[in-house]
Amino acid sequence: MTARRELAYAVLLCLAGAGLALWAVTRTWVVDSTTSSAIDEGGTGARLLPWLPALALVGLAGGGAVLATGGWLRRVLGALLALFGLALAGGGGYGLLADLGDQVSSQWPALTLLGGLMATAGGALTALRGNRWPAMSARYERRSRRDADTSGPIQGAGTVDAWEALDRGEDPTVR
């Protein structure tokens, strides 16, 4: 398997798993049959375990951050994503096994568990092999002032030169 394909699989696992968990956490896990209100929301996963949506959002952000990092930082991020995925899976497992009340719907905690396991797999893949994957090009990094040529007006008439002059603090319209 190529490095780019592994990167794509890891990012998709993290994003799909965290997204699935976030969606499943917002569904009704427990219905309270003691109230007669027709508008009763019941107990969503987010209401029962308020930290689950936050972990799912961190997993989504981390899945995107895998693309922007490289080297040892990507491996550390992968380990953190694996831990967050395990915590999501633990919340889903708790929803499946705990005595939460009257009518428990097991499909949403099971989907949260599945999403957490998917995010864990993506994070573990990133932690194990992430340093071998391609990183973003240096083209997107800003040059330091020492690297920039500050010896006068812009050299060419291209737009790249004009933007670089603006980065150096020069006015590209003054020659």
C-alpha atoms as a PDB file:
ATOM      1  CA  MET A   1       0.000   0.000   0.000  1.00  0.00           C
ATOM      2  CA  THR A   2       1.362   3.421  -0.878  1.00  0.00           C
ATOM      3  CA  ALA A   3       2.045   6.096   1.718  1.00  0.00           C
ATOM      4  CA  ARG A   4      -0.586   8.432   0.290  1.00  0.00           C
ATOM      5  CA  ARG A   5      -3.221   5.708   0.412  1.00  0.00           C
ATOM      6  CA  GLU A   6      -2.359   4.908   4.040  1.00  0.00           C
ATOM      7  CA  LEU A   7      -2.640   8.601   4.883  1.00  0.00           C
ATOM      8  CA  ALA A   8      -6.028   8.804   3.186  1.00  0.00           C
ATOM      9  CA  TYR A   9      -7.295   5.711   5.018  1.00  0.00           C
ATOM     10  CA  ALA A  10      -6.120   6.991   8.382  1.00  0.00           C
ATOM     11  CA  VAL A  11      -7.695  10.417   7.888  1.00  0.00           C
ATOM     12  CA  LEU A  12     -10.947   8.891   6.622  1.00  0.00           C
ATOM     13  CA  LEU A  13     -11.078   6.463   9.554  1.00  0.00           C
ATOM     14  CA  CYS A  14     -10.585   9.311  12.036  1.00  0.00           C
ATOM     15  CA  LEU A  15     -13.111  11.611  10.369  1.00  0.00           C
ATOM     16  CA  ALA A  16     -15.744   8.940   9.707  1.00  0.00           C
ATOM     17  CA  GLY A  17     -15.401   7.431  13.169  1.00  0.00           C
ATOM     18  CA  ALA A  18     -15.573  10.743  15.005  1.00  0.00           C
ATOM     19  CA  GLY A  19     -18.411  11.930  12.763  1.00  0.00           C
ATOM     20  CA  LEU A  20     -20.388   8.731  13.330  1.00  0.00           C
ATOM     21  CA  ALA A  21     -19.848   8.981  17.071  1.00  0.00           C
ATOM     22  CA  LEU A  22     -20.897  12.644  17.102  1.00  0.00           C
ATOM     23  CA  TRP A  23     -24.059  11.850  15.184  1.00  0.00           C
ATOM     24  CA  ALA A  24     -24.937   8.838  17.355  1.00  0.00           C
ATOM     25  CA  VAL A  25     -24.351  10.796  20.571  1.00  0.00           C
ATOM     26  CA  THR A  26     -27.010  13.336  19.573  1.00  0.00           C
ATOM     27  CA  ARG A  27     -29.690  10.627  19.188  1.00  0.00           C
ATOM     28  CA  THR A  28     -32.019   9.513  21.978  1.00  0.00           C
ATOM     29  CA  TRP A  29     -30.494   6.667  23.966  1.00  0.00           C
ATOM     30  CA  VAL A  30     -33.069   6.433  26.780  1.00  0.00           C
ATOM     31  CA  VAL A  31     -36.777   7.286  26.741  1.00  0.00           C
ATOM     32  CA  ASP A  32     -38.351   8.240  30.064  1.00  0.00           C
ATOM     33  CA  SER A  33     -41.771   6.596  30.241  1.00  0.00           C
ATOM     34  CA  THR A  34     -42.783   8.300  33.505  1.00  0.00           C
ATOM     35  CA  THR A  35     -43.523  11.660  31.896  1.00  0.00           C
ATOM     36  CA  SER A  36     -46.644  12.239  29.873  1.00  0.00           C
ATOM     37  CA  SER A  37     -45.185  15.066  27.800  1.00  0.00           C
ATOM     38  CA  ALA A  38     -45.260  14.386  24.080  1.00  0.00           C
ATOM     39  CA  ILE A  39     -42.332  16.776  23.568  1.00  0.00           C
ATOM     40  CA  ASP A  40     -40.000  14.984  25.981  1.00  0.00           C
ATOM     41  CA  GLU A  41     -36.580  14.676  24.350  1.00  0.00           C
ATOM     42  CA  GLY A  42     -35.503  11.686  26.355  1.00  0.00           C
ATOM     43  CA  GLY A  43     -31.925  11.080  27.301  1.00  0.00           C
ATOM     44  CA  THR A  44     -29.548  11.663  24.453  1.00  0.00           C
ATOM     45  CA  GLY A  45     -26.020  10.382  24.661  1.00  0.00           C
ATOM     46  CA  ALA A  46     -24.853  13.977  24.995  1.00  0.00           C
ATOM     47  CA  ARG A  47     -27.178  14.518  27.943  1.00  0.00           C
ATOM     48  CA  LEU A  48     -26.146  11.284  29.653  1.00  0.00           C
ATOM     49  CA  LEU A  49     -22.400  11.634  28.975  1.00  0.00           C
ATOM     50  CA  PRO A  50     -21.711  15.329  28.250  1.00  0.00           C
ATOM     51  CA  TRP A  51     -18.048  14.789  27.397  1.00  0.00           C
ATOM     52  CA  LEU A  52     -18.757  12.536  24.399  1.00  0.00           C
ATOM     53  CA  PRO A  53     -19.637  15.274  21.864  1.00  0.00           C
ATOM     54  CA  ALA A  54     -16.540  17.246  22.848  1.00  0.00           C
ATOM     55  CA  LEU A  55     -14.327  14.203  22.285  1.00  0.00           C
ATOM     56  CA  ALA A  56     -15.966  13.567  18.932  1.00  0.00           C
ATOM     57  CA  LEU A  57     -15.331  17.169  17.862  1.00  0.00           C
ATOM     58  CA  VAL A  58     -11.698  16.900  18.957  1.00  0.00           C
ATOM     59  CA  GLY A  59     -11.472  13.700  16.901  1.00  0.00           C
ATOM     60  CA  LEU A  60     -12.825  15.524  13.842  1.00  0.00           C
ATOM     61  CA  ALA A  61     -10.350  18.370  14.282  1.00  0.00           C
ATOM     62  CA  GLY A  62      -7.504  15.934  14.875  1.00  0.00           C
ATOM     63  CA  GLY A  63      -8.361  14.009  11.725  1.00  0.00           C
ATOM     64  CA  GLY A  64      -7.904  17.207   9.735  1.00  0.00           C
ATOM     65  CA  ALA A  65      -4.742  18.080  11.642  1.00  0.00           C
ATOM     66  CA  VAL A  66      -3.143  14.807  10.529  1.00  0.00           C
ATOM     67  CA  LEU A  67      -2.918  16.337   7.057  1.00  0.00           C
ATOM     68  CA  ALA A  68      -1.197  19.492   8.298  1.00  0.00           C
ATOM     69  CA  THR A  69       1.421  17.852  10.509  1.00  0.00           C
ATOM     70  CA  GLY A  70       4.390  15.669   9.780  1.00  0.00           C
ATOM     71  CA  GLY A  71       7.126  13.611  11.391  1.00  0.00           C
ATOM     72  CA  TRP A  72       7.103  13.022  15.135  1.00  0.00           C
ATOM     73  CA  LEU A  73       4.305  15.565  15.700  1.00  0.00           C
ATOM     74  CA  ARG A  74       2.009  13.516  13.471  1.00  0.00           C
ATOM     75  CA  ARG A  75       2.845  10.374  15.455  1.00  0.00           C
ATOM     76  CA  VAL A  76       2.045  12.111  18.755  1.00  0.00           C
ATOM     77  CA  LEU A  77      -1.218  13.380  17.262  1.00  0.00           C
ATOM     78  CA  GLY A  78      -2.032   9.837  16.149  1.00  0.00           C
ATOM     79  CA  ALA A  79      -1.482   8.521  19.664  1.00  0.00           C
ATOM     80  CA  LEU A  80      -3.777  11.219  21.069  1.00  0.00           C
ATOM     81  CA  LEU A  81      -6.422  10.416  18.461  1.00  0.00           C
ATOM     82  CA  ALA A  82      -6.219   6.740  19.400  1.00  0.00           C
ATOM     83  CA  LEU A  83      -6.756   7.650  23.059  1.00  0.00           C
ATOM     84  CA  PHE A  84      -9.704   9.896  22.213  1.00  0.00           C
ATOM     85  CA  GLY A  85     -11.171   7.114  20.077  1.00  0.00           C
ATOM     86  CA  LEU A  86     -10.837   4.685  22.969  1.00  0.00           C
ATOM     87  CA  ALA A  87     -12.633   7.153  25.226  1.00  0.00           C
ATOM     88  CA  LEU A  88     -15.441   7.464  22.647  1.00  0.00           C
ATOM     89  CA  ALA A  89     -15.668   3.687  22.410  1.00  0.00           C
ATOM     90  CA  GLY A  90     -15.729   3.503  26.212  1.00  0.00           C
ATOM     91  CA  GLY A  91     -18.659   5.925  26.309  1.00  0.00           C
ATOM     92  CA  GLY A  92     -20.530   3.827  23.761  1.00  0.00           C
ATOM     93  CA  GLY A  93     -19.750   0.669  25.709  1.00  0.00           C
ATOM     94  CA  TYR A  94     -20.997   2.304  28.885  1.00  0.00           C
ATOM     95  CA  GLY A  95     -24.245   3.183  27.104  1.00  0.00           C
ATOM     96  CA  LEU A  96     -24.639  -0.444  26.052  1.00  0.00           C
ATOM     97  CA  LEU A  97     -23.861  -2.055  29.396  1.00  0.00           C
ATOM     98  CA  ALA A  98     -25.058   0.398  32.062  1.00  0.00           C
ATOM     99  CA  ASP A  99     -28.539   0.426  33.557  1.00  0.00           C
ATOM    100  CA  LEU A 100     -29.650   3.799  32.224  1.00  0.00           C
ATOM    101  CA  GLY A 101     -33.360   3.654  32.804  1.00  0.00           C
ATOM    102  CA  ASP A 102     -36.634   2.640  31.252  1.00  0.00           C
ATOM    103  CA  GLN A 103     -36.388   1.989  27.541  1.00  0.00           C
ATOM    104  CA  VAL A 104     -32.829   1.868  26.303  1.00  0.00           C
ATOM    105  CA  SER A 105     -32.118   2.012  22.589  1.00  0.00           C
ATOM    106  CA  SER A 106     -28.921   0.064  22.051  1.00  0.00           C
ATOM    107  CA  GLN A 107     -28.325   1.073  18.435  1.00  0.00           C
ATOM    108  CA  TRP A 108     -26.987   4.563  19.221  1.00  0.00           C
ATOM    109  CA  PRO A 109     -24.503   3.513  21.896  1.00  0.00           C
ATOM    110  CA  ALA A 110     -23.390   0.707  19.562  1.00  0.00           C
ATOM    111  CA  LEU A 111     -22.783   3.216  16.755  1.00  0.00           C
ATOM    112  CA  THR A 112     -20.860   5.415  19.194  1.00  0.00           C
ATOM    113  CA  LEU A 113     -18.755   2.392  20.116  1.00  0.00           C
ATOM    114  CA  LEU A 114     -18.156   1.615  16.433  1.00  0.00           C
ATOM    115  CA  GLY A 115     -17.231   5.233  15.679  1.00  0.00           C
ATOM    116  CA  GLY A 116     -14.818   5.265  18.592  1.00  0.00           C
ATOM    117  CA  LEU A 117     -13.171   2.069  17.370  1.00  0.00           C
ATOM    118  CA  MET A 118     -12.847   3.517  13.866  1.00  0.00           C
ATOM    119  CA  ALA A 119     -11.222   6.668  15.244  1.00  0.00           C
ATOM    120  CA  THR A 120      -8.929   4.504  17.366  1.00  0.00           C
ATOM    121  CA  ALA A 121      -7.857   2.519  14.305  1.00  0.00           C
ATOM    122  CA  GLY A 122      -7.123   5.703  12.352  1.00  0.00           C
ATOM    123  CA  GLY A 123      -5.174   7.187  15.260  1.00  0.00           C
ATOM    124  CA  ALA A 124      -3.200   3.983  15.798  1.00  0.00           C
ATOM    125  CA  LEU A 125      -2.332   3.783  12.101  1.00  0.00           C
ATOM    126  CA  THR A 126      -1.153   7.391  12.250  1.00  0.00           C
ATOM    127  CA  ALA A 127       0.894   6.777  15.387  1.00  0.00           C
ATOM    128  CA  LEU A 128       2.574   3.709  13.908  1.00  0.00           C
ATOM    129  CA  ARG A 129       3.267   4.819  10.353  1.00  0.00           C
ATOM    130  CA  GLY A 130       2.559   8.566  10.213  1.00  0.00           C
ATOM    131  CA  ASN A 131       6.175   9.671  10.023  1.00  0.00           C
ATOM    132  CA  ARG A 132       6.548   7.881   6.642  1.00  0.00           C
ATOM    133  CA  TRP A 133       3.644   9.681   4.996  1.00  0.00           C
ATOM    134  CA  PRO A 134       3.998  12.800   2.879  1.00  0.00           C
ATOM    135  CA  ALA A 135       3.555  16.143   4.602  1.00  0.00           C
ATOM    136  CA  MET A 136       2.360  19.454   3.278  1.00  0.00           C
ATOM    137  CA  SER A 137       4.767  21.174   0.956  1.00  0.00           C
ATOM    138  CA  ALA A 138       7.052  23.949   2.166  1.00  0.00           C
ATOM    139  CA  ARG A 139       5.299  26.085  -0.420  1.00  0.00           C
ATOM    140  CA  TYR A 140       2.599  26.807   2.147  1.00  0.00           C
ATOM    141  CA  GLU A 141       4.981  27.875   4.902  1.00  0.00           C
ATOM    142  CA  ARG A 142       5.765  31.517   5.430  1.00  0.00           C
ATOM    143  CA  ARG A 143       9.376  32.516   5.006  1.00  0.00           C
ATOM    144  CA  SER A 144      11.165  34.270   7.832  1.00  0.00           C
ATOM    145  CA  ARG A 145      12.354  37.835   7.416  1.00  0.00           C
ATOM    146  CA  ARG A 146      15.956  36.627   7.196  1.00  0.00           C
ATOM    147  CA  ASP A 147      15.127  34.466   4.185  1.00  0.00           C
ATOM    148  CA  ALA A 148      13.277  37.226   2.375  1.00  0.00           C
ATOM    149  CA  ASP A 149      15.176  39.549   0.085  1.00  0.00           C
ATOM    150  CA  THR A 150      14.720  43.068   1.415  1.00  0.00           C
ATOM    151  CA  SER A 151      16.999  44.799  -1.072  1.00  0.00           C
ATOM    152  CA  GLY A 152      14.505  47.077  -2.769  1.00  0.00           C
ATOM    153  CA  PRO A 153      11.408  46.971  -4.928  1.00  0.00           C
ATOM    154  CA  ILE A 154      10.012  43.811  -6.412  1.00  0.00           C
ATOM    155  CA  GLN A 155      12.033  42.199  -9.176  1.00  0.00           C
ATOM    156  CA  GLY A 156       9.360  40.737 -11.460  1.00  0.00           C
ATOM    157  CA  ALA A 157       5.912  41.698 -12.548  1.00  0.00           C
ATOM    158  CA  GLY A 158       4.265  38.494 -11.299  1.00  0.00           C
ATOM    159  CA  THR A 159       1.676  38.366  -8.581  1.00  0.00           C
ATOM    160  CA  VAL A 160       3.825  36.040  -6.463  1.00  0.00           C
ATOM    161  CA  ASP A 161       6.512  38.723  -6.288  1.00  0.00           C
ATOM    162  CA  ALA A 162       3.922  41.308  -5.265  1.00  0.00           C
ATOM    163  CA  TRP A 163       2.620  39.115  -2.443  1.00  0.00           C
ATOM    164  CA  GLU A 164       6.144  38.411  -1.242  1.00  0.00           C
ATOM    165  CA  ALA A 165       6.844  42.135  -1.234  1.00  0.00           C
ATOM    166  CA  LEU A 166       3.775  42.646   0.929  1.00  0.00           C
ATOM    167  CA  ASP A 167       5.069  39.971   3.304  1.00  0.00           C
ATOM    168  CA  ARG A 168       8.353  41.897   3.583  1.00  0.00           C
ATOM    169  CA  GLY A 169       6.387  45.033   4.446  1.00  0.00           C
ATOM    170  CA  GLU A 170       6.974  46.795   1.126  1.00  0.00           C
ATOM    171  CA  ASP A 171       4.421  48.532  -1.040  1.00  0.00           C
ATOM    172  CA  PRO A 172       4.540  46.716  -4.412  1.00  0.00           C
ATOM    173  CA  THR A 173       2.866  49.649  -6.180  1.00  0.00           C
ATOM    174  CA  VAL A 174       5.786  51.996  -5.450  1.00  0.00           C
ATOM    175  CA  ARG A 175       8.778  51.440  -7.693  1.00  0.00           C
END
